[in-house]
N, C-alpha and C. Protein backbone atom coordinates (compact mmCIF):
# COMPACT_ATOMS: atom_id res chain seq x y z
N MET A 1 -6.39 -35.10 -166.56
CA MET A 1 -5.88 -35.29 -167.31
C MET A 1 -5.56 -35.18 -168.98
N SER A 2 -6.21 -36.07 -169.56
CA SER A 2 -6.21 -36.21 -170.78
C SER A 2 -6.74 -34.71 -171.58
N GLY A 3 -6.95 -35.10 -172.48
CA GLY A 3 -7.11 -34.10 -173.62
C GLY A 3 -6.48 -32.62 -173.54
N ALA A 4 -7.14 -31.84 -174.65
CA ALA A 4 -6.41 -30.76 -173.92
C ALA A 4 -7.47 -29.73 -173.16
N PRO A 5 -7.42 -28.94 -172.57
CA PRO A 5 -8.80 -28.27 -171.68
C PRO A 5 -8.50 -26.68 -171.47
N TYR A 6 -7.41 -26.23 -172.43
CA TYR A 6 -6.98 -25.06 -172.04
C TYR A 6 -6.79 -24.69 -174.05
N GLY A 7 -7.48 -25.38 -174.48
CA GLY A 7 -8.35 -25.41 -175.86
C GLY A 7 -6.66 -25.32 -177.22
N GLY A 8 -6.65 -26.76 -176.69
CA GLY A 8 -5.57 -26.27 -177.74
C GLY A 8 -5.10 -27.32 -177.93
N THR A 9 -4.27 -27.95 -179.03
CA THR A 9 -4.01 -28.93 -179.28
C THR A 9 -3.44 -30.60 -178.66
N ALA A 10 -3.17 -31.52 -178.03
CA ALA A 10 -1.95 -32.33 -177.84
C ALA A 10 -1.49 -33.16 -178.75
N GLN A 11 -0.77 -34.19 -178.74
CA GLN A 11 -0.60 -34.87 -179.24
C GLN A 11 0.26 -35.77 -179.00
N GLN A 12 0.01 -37.59 -178.34
CA GLN A 12 0.15 -37.70 -178.05
C GLN A 12 1.71 -38.40 -178.67
N ARG A 13 2.23 -39.57 -177.42
CA ARG A 13 3.03 -39.88 -177.05
C ARG A 13 3.41 -41.17 -176.63
N ASP A 14 4.20 -41.88 -176.86
CA ASP A 14 4.43 -43.33 -176.39
C ASP A 14 4.32 -43.05 -174.53
N ASP A 15 3.83 -43.62 -174.28
CA ASP A 15 3.98 -44.44 -172.32
C ASP A 15 5.44 -44.28 -172.44
N VAL A 16 6.45 -44.52 -171.24
CA VAL A 16 8.09 -45.02 -170.39
C VAL A 16 7.31 -45.63 -169.55
N VAL A 17 8.13 -47.16 -169.40
CA VAL A 17 7.58 -47.28 -168.26
C VAL A 17 8.24 -47.55 -166.79
N LEU A 18 8.68 -46.84 -166.68
CA LEU A 18 9.65 -47.01 -164.85
C LEU A 18 9.52 -46.83 -163.95
N ASP A 19 10.31 -48.99 -164.89
CA ASP A 19 10.41 -49.89 -163.19
C ASP A 19 11.80 -49.83 -163.36
N SER A 20 12.35 -48.97 -164.01
CA SER A 20 14.34 -49.51 -163.19
C SER A 20 14.84 -47.96 -164.37
N SER A 21 16.20 -48.39 -163.29
CA SER A 21 17.27 -46.95 -163.89
C SER A 21 17.03 -46.60 -165.74
N ALA A 22 17.36 -47.82 -166.72
CA ALA A 22 16.94 -47.90 -167.87
C ALA A 22 15.36 -46.97 -168.49
N GLY A 23 14.91 -47.41 -167.24
CA GLY A 23 13.48 -46.46 -167.54
C GLY A 23 13.81 -44.85 -167.50
N VAL A 24 14.20 -44.55 -166.78
CA VAL A 24 13.91 -43.30 -166.07
C VAL A 24 15.26 -42.25 -167.17
N VAL A 25 15.63 -43.27 -168.39
CA VAL A 25 16.92 -43.02 -168.84
C VAL A 25 16.07 -42.23 -170.04
N LYS A 26 15.07 -43.44 -171.07
CA LYS A 26 14.56 -43.59 -171.25
C LYS A 26 13.84 -42.65 -171.41
N ALA A 27 12.86 -42.53 -170.26
CA ALA A 27 12.00 -41.00 -169.78
C ALA A 27 13.32 -39.53 -170.24
N ARG A 28 14.68 -39.50 -170.11
CA ARG A 28 14.42 -38.52 -169.83
C ARG A 28 14.79 -37.99 -170.84
N GLN A 29 14.86 -39.19 -172.02
CA GLN A 29 15.45 -39.12 -173.59
C GLN A 29 13.96 -38.46 -174.78
N LEU A 30 13.12 -39.27 -174.89
CA LEU A 30 12.47 -38.96 -174.54
C LEU A 30 11.88 -37.22 -174.57
N VAL A 31 11.83 -37.40 -173.45
CA VAL A 31 11.43 -35.71 -173.27
C VAL A 31 12.17 -34.46 -173.63
N ARG A 32 14.05 -34.96 -173.53
CA ARG A 32 14.78 -34.20 -174.33
C ARG A 32 14.43 -33.67 -175.97
N THR A 33 13.88 -34.49 -176.67
CA THR A 33 12.76 -34.98 -178.05
C THR A 33 12.45 -33.66 -178.11
N LEU A 34 11.31 -33.64 -176.95
CA LEU A 34 9.77 -33.42 -177.21
C LEU A 34 10.56 -31.71 -177.18
N ALA A 35 10.97 -31.43 -175.99
CA ALA A 35 11.29 -30.19 -175.85
C ALA A 35 11.80 -29.66 -176.98
N GLN A 36 12.48 -29.50 -178.08
CA GLN A 36 13.47 -29.64 -179.02
C GLN A 36 12.02 -29.31 -180.07
N GLU A 37 11.27 -29.73 -180.03
CA GLU A 37 9.86 -31.09 -180.96
C GLU A 37 9.84 -29.22 -180.94
N ALA A 38 9.49 -28.98 -178.80
CA ALA A 38 7.85 -28.39 -178.98
C ALA A 38 9.14 -26.65 -179.70
N ARG A 39 9.84 -26.47 -179.71
CA ARG A 39 10.66 -25.43 -180.09
C ARG A 39 11.03 -24.73 -178.26
N LEU A 40 10.88 -25.59 -177.37
CA LEU A 40 12.34 -24.95 -176.08
C LEU A 40 13.22 -24.06 -176.06
N SER A 41 13.61 -23.13 -175.33
CA SER A 41 15.17 -22.67 -175.54
C SER A 41 16.41 -23.90 -174.39
N LEU A 42 17.59 -23.31 -175.40
CA LEU A 42 18.32 -24.08 -174.28
C LEU A 42 18.03 -25.03 -172.65
N VAL A 43 17.98 -23.78 -172.02
CA VAL A 43 17.67 -24.00 -171.15
C VAL A 43 16.24 -24.39 -171.07
N ASP A 44 15.09 -24.27 -171.18
CA ASP A 44 14.23 -24.63 -170.54
C ASP A 44 13.32 -25.63 -170.85
N GLN A 45 14.21 -26.24 -172.34
CA GLN A 45 14.77 -27.95 -172.31
C GLN A 45 14.99 -28.48 -171.46
N THR A 46 16.85 -27.86 -170.64
CA THR A 46 17.41 -27.81 -169.24
C THR A 46 16.95 -28.35 -168.52
N LYS A 47 16.05 -27.33 -168.13
CA LYS A 47 14.96 -27.27 -167.18
C LYS A 47 14.05 -28.72 -166.90
N LEU A 48 13.02 -28.54 -168.07
CA LEU A 48 11.95 -29.51 -168.09
C LEU A 48 12.68 -30.98 -167.47
N VAL A 49 14.01 -31.26 -169.27
CA VAL A 49 14.84 -32.64 -168.87
C VAL A 49 14.86 -32.99 -166.51
N THR A 50 15.87 -31.90 -166.22
CA THR A 50 15.62 -32.20 -164.66
C THR A 50 14.59 -32.37 -164.14
N ALA A 51 13.33 -31.40 -164.33
CA ALA A 51 12.28 -31.81 -163.57
C ALA A 51 11.61 -33.21 -163.60
N ALA A 52 11.91 -33.39 -165.35
CA ALA A 52 11.55 -34.69 -165.37
C ALA A 52 12.02 -36.30 -164.85
N SER A 53 14.04 -35.74 -164.71
CA SER A 53 14.25 -36.83 -164.52
C SER A 53 14.04 -36.50 -162.98
N GLU A 54 13.80 -36.45 -161.95
CA GLU A 54 13.10 -36.41 -160.57
C GLU A 54 11.35 -36.55 -160.51
N LEU A 55 11.19 -36.41 -161.20
CA LEU A 55 10.13 -36.98 -161.08
C LEU A 55 9.96 -38.68 -161.55
N ALA A 56 10.20 -39.42 -162.53
CA ALA A 56 10.89 -39.92 -162.95
C ALA A 56 11.82 -40.74 -162.00
N ARG A 57 12.15 -40.55 -161.11
CA ARG A 57 12.94 -41.21 -160.00
C ARG A 57 12.49 -40.32 -158.87
N ASN A 58 11.64 -39.99 -158.79
CA ASN A 58 10.85 -40.76 -157.70
C ASN A 58 9.37 -41.82 -157.68
N THR A 59 8.64 -41.54 -159.18
CA THR A 59 7.75 -42.26 -158.88
C THR A 59 8.26 -43.83 -159.08
N LEU A 60 9.70 -44.31 -160.04
CA LEU A 60 10.64 -45.11 -159.78
C LEU A 60 10.44 -45.93 -158.14
N VAL A 61 12.05 -45.06 -157.17
CA VAL A 61 12.14 -44.77 -155.90
C VAL A 61 10.74 -45.31 -154.48
N TYR A 62 10.65 -44.11 -155.10
CA TYR A 62 8.73 -43.69 -153.56
C TYR A 62 7.72 -44.88 -154.56
N GLY A 63 7.16 -44.06 -155.62
CA GLY A 63 6.17 -44.96 -156.30
C GLY A 63 6.30 -46.61 -156.71
N GLY A 64 7.68 -47.21 -156.38
CA GLY A 64 7.46 -48.53 -157.41
C GLY A 64 7.37 -49.18 -158.06
N GLY A 65 7.85 -48.24 -158.85
CA GLY A 65 7.51 -47.24 -160.71
C GLY A 65 6.42 -46.86 -160.99
N GLY A 66 5.62 -47.37 -162.61
CA GLY A 66 5.10 -46.20 -163.12
C GLY A 66 5.14 -45.43 -164.09
N ARG A 67 4.27 -44.28 -164.21
CA ARG A 67 4.60 -44.14 -165.94
C ARG A 67 4.92 -43.21 -166.22
N MET A 68 5.10 -42.10 -167.33
CA MET A 68 5.46 -41.33 -167.43
C MET A 68 5.17 -40.82 -168.94
N GLN A 69 3.25 -40.05 -169.35
CA GLN A 69 2.76 -39.41 -170.49
C GLN A 69 3.48 -38.61 -171.19
N ALA A 70 3.51 -38.71 -172.62
CA ALA A 70 4.68 -37.68 -173.18
C ALA A 70 3.58 -36.73 -173.96
N GLU A 71 3.84 -35.26 -174.01
CA GLU A 71 2.11 -34.88 -175.16
C GLU A 71 3.24 -33.31 -175.27
N THR A 72 3.47 -33.34 -176.52
CA THR A 72 3.56 -32.14 -177.22
C THR A 72 2.66 -31.87 -177.17
N LEU A 73 2.21 -30.05 -176.18
CA LEU A 73 0.85 -29.33 -177.52
C LEU A 73 1.04 -27.99 -177.68
N ALA A 74 0.35 -27.02 -178.90
CA ALA A 74 -0.02 -26.40 -179.46
C ALA A 74 -1.41 -25.29 -178.64
N ALA A 75 -1.52 -24.25 -178.51
CA ALA A 75 -3.03 -23.63 -177.68
C ALA A 75 -1.99 -22.44 -177.98
N ASN A 76 -3.34 -21.21 -177.95
CA ASN A 76 -2.51 -19.84 -178.35
C ASN A 76 -1.05 -19.19 -178.88
N GLY A 77 -0.73 -20.33 -180.25
CA GLY A 77 0.08 -19.91 -181.10
C GLY A 77 1.34 -19.71 -180.74
N ARG A 78 1.34 -20.69 -179.42
CA ARG A 78 3.20 -21.24 -178.14
C ARG A 78 3.11 -22.90 -178.35
N THR A 79 3.83 -23.37 -178.21
CA THR A 79 3.76 -25.18 -177.89
C THR A 79 4.74 -25.18 -176.42
N GLY A 80 4.76 -26.66 -176.65
CA GLY A 80 4.73 -27.07 -174.72
C GLY A 80 4.39 -28.29 -175.17
N VAL A 81 4.83 -28.88 -174.05
CA VAL A 81 4.98 -29.70 -172.91
C VAL A 81 4.75 -30.60 -172.51
N ARG A 82 3.52 -31.29 -172.07
CA ARG A 82 2.94 -32.18 -170.73
C ARG A 82 3.93 -33.52 -171.02
N LEU A 83 3.87 -33.35 -168.94
CA LEU A 83 4.54 -34.42 -168.93
C LEU A 83 3.81 -35.18 -167.52
N THR A 84 2.78 -36.72 -167.89
CA THR A 84 2.69 -37.15 -167.11
C THR A 84 2.87 -38.18 -165.94
N PHE A 85 3.34 -38.84 -165.24
CA PHE A 85 4.04 -39.50 -164.35
C PHE A 85 3.25 -39.26 -163.45
N SER A 86 2.70 -41.12 -162.98
CA SER A 86 1.24 -41.16 -162.58
C SER A 86 1.79 -43.35 -161.89
N ASP A 87 1.50 -43.65 -160.53
CA ASP A 87 2.25 -44.99 -159.72
C ASP A 87 1.42 -45.45 -159.11
N THR A 88 0.86 -46.58 -158.42
CA THR A 88 0.36 -47.65 -157.78
C THR A 88 1.08 -47.29 -156.34
N GLY A 89 1.87 -46.51 -156.09
CA GLY A 89 2.02 -46.77 -154.74
C GLY A 89 1.56 -46.45 -153.46
N PRO A 90 2.20 -46.22 -152.82
CA PRO A 90 2.10 -45.61 -151.11
C PRO A 90 1.30 -44.33 -150.94
N GLY A 91 1.44 -43.97 -152.07
CA GLY A 91 1.02 -41.91 -151.71
C GLY A 91 1.70 -41.50 -151.16
N ILE A 92 1.83 -39.63 -151.43
CA ILE A 92 2.96 -39.23 -150.18
C ILE A 92 1.46 -39.04 -148.90
N PRO A 93 1.68 -39.20 -147.94
CA PRO A 93 0.96 -38.44 -146.85
C PRO A 93 0.75 -36.63 -146.40
N ASP A 94 1.79 -36.42 -147.13
CA ASP A 94 1.52 -35.01 -146.14
C ASP A 94 2.28 -34.95 -146.99
N VAL A 95 1.30 -33.50 -147.88
CA VAL A 95 2.03 -33.08 -149.32
C VAL A 95 2.93 -31.85 -148.97
N GLU A 96 1.76 -31.45 -148.52
CA GLU A 96 3.22 -30.44 -147.84
C GLU A 96 4.07 -29.90 -147.74
N LEU A 97 4.67 -31.07 -146.40
CA LEU A 97 6.08 -31.23 -145.88
C LEU A 97 6.41 -31.93 -147.21
N ALA A 98 5.34 -33.10 -148.72
CA ALA A 98 6.66 -33.47 -149.48
C ALA A 98 7.46 -32.75 -150.53
N LEU A 99 6.17 -31.07 -149.78
CA LEU A 99 6.97 -29.68 -151.62
C LEU A 99 7.73 -28.66 -150.37
N THR A 100 8.37 -29.26 -149.07
CA THR A 100 8.52 -28.02 -148.51
C THR A 100 10.37 -28.15 -149.61
N ASP A 101 11.21 -27.67 -149.33
CA ASP A 101 12.90 -27.34 -149.46
C ASP A 101 13.79 -28.03 -148.88
N GLY A 102 14.05 -28.49 -149.36
CA GLY A 102 15.13 -29.83 -147.97
C GLY A 102 14.53 -31.31 -146.98
N TRP A 103 13.47 -30.93 -147.70
CA TRP A 103 12.52 -32.14 -146.89
C TRP A 103 12.60 -33.29 -148.11
N THR A 104 13.12 -34.75 -146.98
CA THR A 104 13.06 -36.43 -147.75
C THR A 104 12.47 -36.95 -147.03
N SER A 105 12.24 -38.22 -147.61
CA SER A 105 11.61 -39.44 -147.36
C SER A 105 12.99 -39.82 -147.04
N GLY A 106 13.91 -40.08 -148.06
CA GLY A 106 15.41 -41.25 -148.51
C GLY A 106 16.15 -40.88 -147.70
N GLY A 107 17.29 -40.88 -148.62
CA GLY A 107 17.99 -40.56 -148.35
C GLY A 107 19.12 -39.27 -149.22
N GLY A 108 18.42 -38.89 -150.39
CA GLY A 108 18.04 -37.90 -151.34
C GLY A 108 18.81 -36.48 -151.04
N MET A 109 18.23 -35.36 -151.50
CA MET A 109 19.22 -33.78 -150.72
C MET A 109 17.06 -33.45 -150.36
N GLY A 110 16.74 -33.66 -151.45
CA GLY A 110 15.16 -33.31 -150.82
C GLY A 110 14.12 -31.96 -151.43
N LEU A 111 15.39 -32.17 -153.49
CA LEU A 111 14.41 -31.03 -153.85
C LEU A 111 13.61 -31.48 -155.15
N GLY A 112 13.93 -33.20 -154.98
CA GLY A 112 12.01 -33.82 -156.59
C GLY A 112 11.43 -32.72 -156.27
N LEU A 113 10.02 -32.85 -155.53
CA LEU A 113 9.16 -32.10 -155.84
C LEU A 113 9.05 -31.10 -156.06
N SER A 114 9.98 -30.33 -154.84
CA SER A 114 9.48 -28.93 -155.03
C SER A 114 10.76 -28.40 -155.79
N GLY A 115 11.85 -29.03 -155.83
CA GLY A 115 12.56 -28.50 -157.71
C GLY A 115 11.71 -28.77 -158.56
N ALA A 116 11.30 -30.22 -158.62
CA ALA A 116 10.41 -30.19 -159.99
C ALA A 116 10.08 -28.84 -160.56
N ARG A 117 9.08 -28.68 -159.09
CA ARG A 117 7.66 -27.42 -158.93
C ARG A 117 8.45 -26.41 -159.46
N ARG A 118 8.80 -25.26 -159.38
CA ARG A 118 9.95 -24.59 -159.94
C ARG A 118 10.60 -24.33 -160.98
N LEU A 119 10.62 -25.42 -161.46
CA LEU A 119 10.99 -25.98 -162.89
C LEU A 119 10.20 -25.25 -163.69
N VAL A 120 8.86 -25.78 -163.85
CA VAL A 120 8.16 -25.63 -164.86
C VAL A 120 7.16 -24.32 -164.89
N ASP A 121 5.90 -24.40 -165.79
CA ASP A 121 5.77 -23.30 -165.79
C ASP A 121 4.00 -24.25 -164.55
N GLU A 122 3.74 -24.80 -164.38
CA GLU A 122 2.95 -25.52 -164.94
C GLU A 122 3.41 -27.24 -163.51
N PHE A 123 2.44 -27.15 -162.35
CA PHE A 123 3.11 -28.63 -161.50
C PHE A 123 1.24 -28.75 -161.17
N GLU A 124 1.03 -29.34 -161.06
CA GLU A 124 -0.47 -30.64 -160.19
C GLU A 124 0.40 -31.52 -159.83
N LEU A 125 -0.59 -31.67 -158.10
CA LEU A 125 0.19 -33.19 -157.79
C LEU A 125 -1.13 -33.54 -157.53
N GLU A 126 -1.80 -34.92 -158.17
CA GLU A 126 -2.35 -36.10 -157.48
C GLU A 126 -2.50 -36.65 -156.41
N THR A 127 -2.67 -36.77 -155.40
CA THR A 127 -2.39 -38.28 -154.72
C THR A 127 -3.02 -38.96 -153.04
N GLU A 128 -2.83 -39.93 -152.65
CA GLU A 128 -4.08 -40.92 -151.73
C GLU A 128 -3.62 -41.80 -151.13
N VAL A 129 -3.44 -41.32 -149.75
CA VAL A 129 -2.62 -42.78 -149.63
C VAL A 129 -3.31 -44.74 -149.61
N GLY A 130 -2.43 -45.11 -149.95
CA GLY A 130 -1.95 -46.78 -150.40
C GLY A 130 -2.52 -46.13 -151.77
N LYS A 131 -2.91 -45.41 -152.17
CA LYS A 131 -2.92 -45.39 -153.66
C LYS A 131 -2.10 -44.99 -155.19
N GLY A 132 -1.33 -44.29 -154.53
CA GLY A 132 -0.15 -44.09 -155.68
C GLY A 132 -0.90 -42.29 -155.55
N THR A 133 0.05 -42.24 -156.69
CA THR A 133 0.81 -40.00 -156.97
C THR A 133 0.55 -39.85 -158.52
N GLN A 134 0.00 -38.76 -158.85
CA GLN A 134 -0.06 -38.44 -160.20
C GLN A 134 0.26 -37.14 -160.36
N VAL A 135 2.19 -37.00 -160.72
CA VAL A 135 2.19 -35.63 -160.71
C VAL A 135 1.82 -35.13 -162.85
N VAL A 136 2.39 -33.73 -162.58
CA VAL A 136 1.34 -33.37 -164.18
C VAL A 136 1.94 -32.40 -164.05
N ILE A 137 3.01 -32.34 -165.28
CA ILE A 137 3.51 -31.15 -165.42
C ILE A 137 3.83 -30.32 -166.79
N VAL A 138 3.75 -28.84 -166.65
CA VAL A 138 3.77 -28.46 -168.08
C VAL A 138 4.50 -27.57 -168.31
N LYS A 139 5.48 -26.98 -169.99
CA LYS A 139 6.43 -26.30 -169.64
C LYS A 139 6.30 -26.13 -171.44
N TRP A 140 5.69 -24.44 -171.36
CA TRP A 140 5.50 -23.83 -172.90
C TRP A 140 7.05 -22.96 -173.54
N ALA A 141 6.98 -23.29 -174.80
CA ALA A 141 8.31 -22.30 -175.26
C ALA A 141 7.87 -21.53 -174.80
N ARG A 142 9.18 -19.99 -174.72
CA ARG A 142 9.06 -19.00 -175.04
C ARG A 142 9.03 -18.21 -175.81
């Protein structure tokens, strides 16, 4: 997942540890800063921050905590932000169900994964029961 397979360049940023609500807030702040640096529109900044907030919260609540890695991207004359959320939690037993609008494994609204997927340009989810989950999202400047 690291590197720049799309033929562009990526600038590594510090990881954010998602082990508390404070980590989720720190992740949101970093994503906002990177979105501004990548020259995303205000609407796209808001979409990316919202998706990141949902995924950071999922990492904390359902994954038992984890990390967010954030990178700015440059490829083919455009810029963007790639975020990787990873945990070593229980994994997702039924990915298709988990990506269904309205489905929730907890007390939430059931919009976390499916909502995050709709808000970004690229969405990739890898999970294994008993080993954890990794979600990679990308938002490109228009």
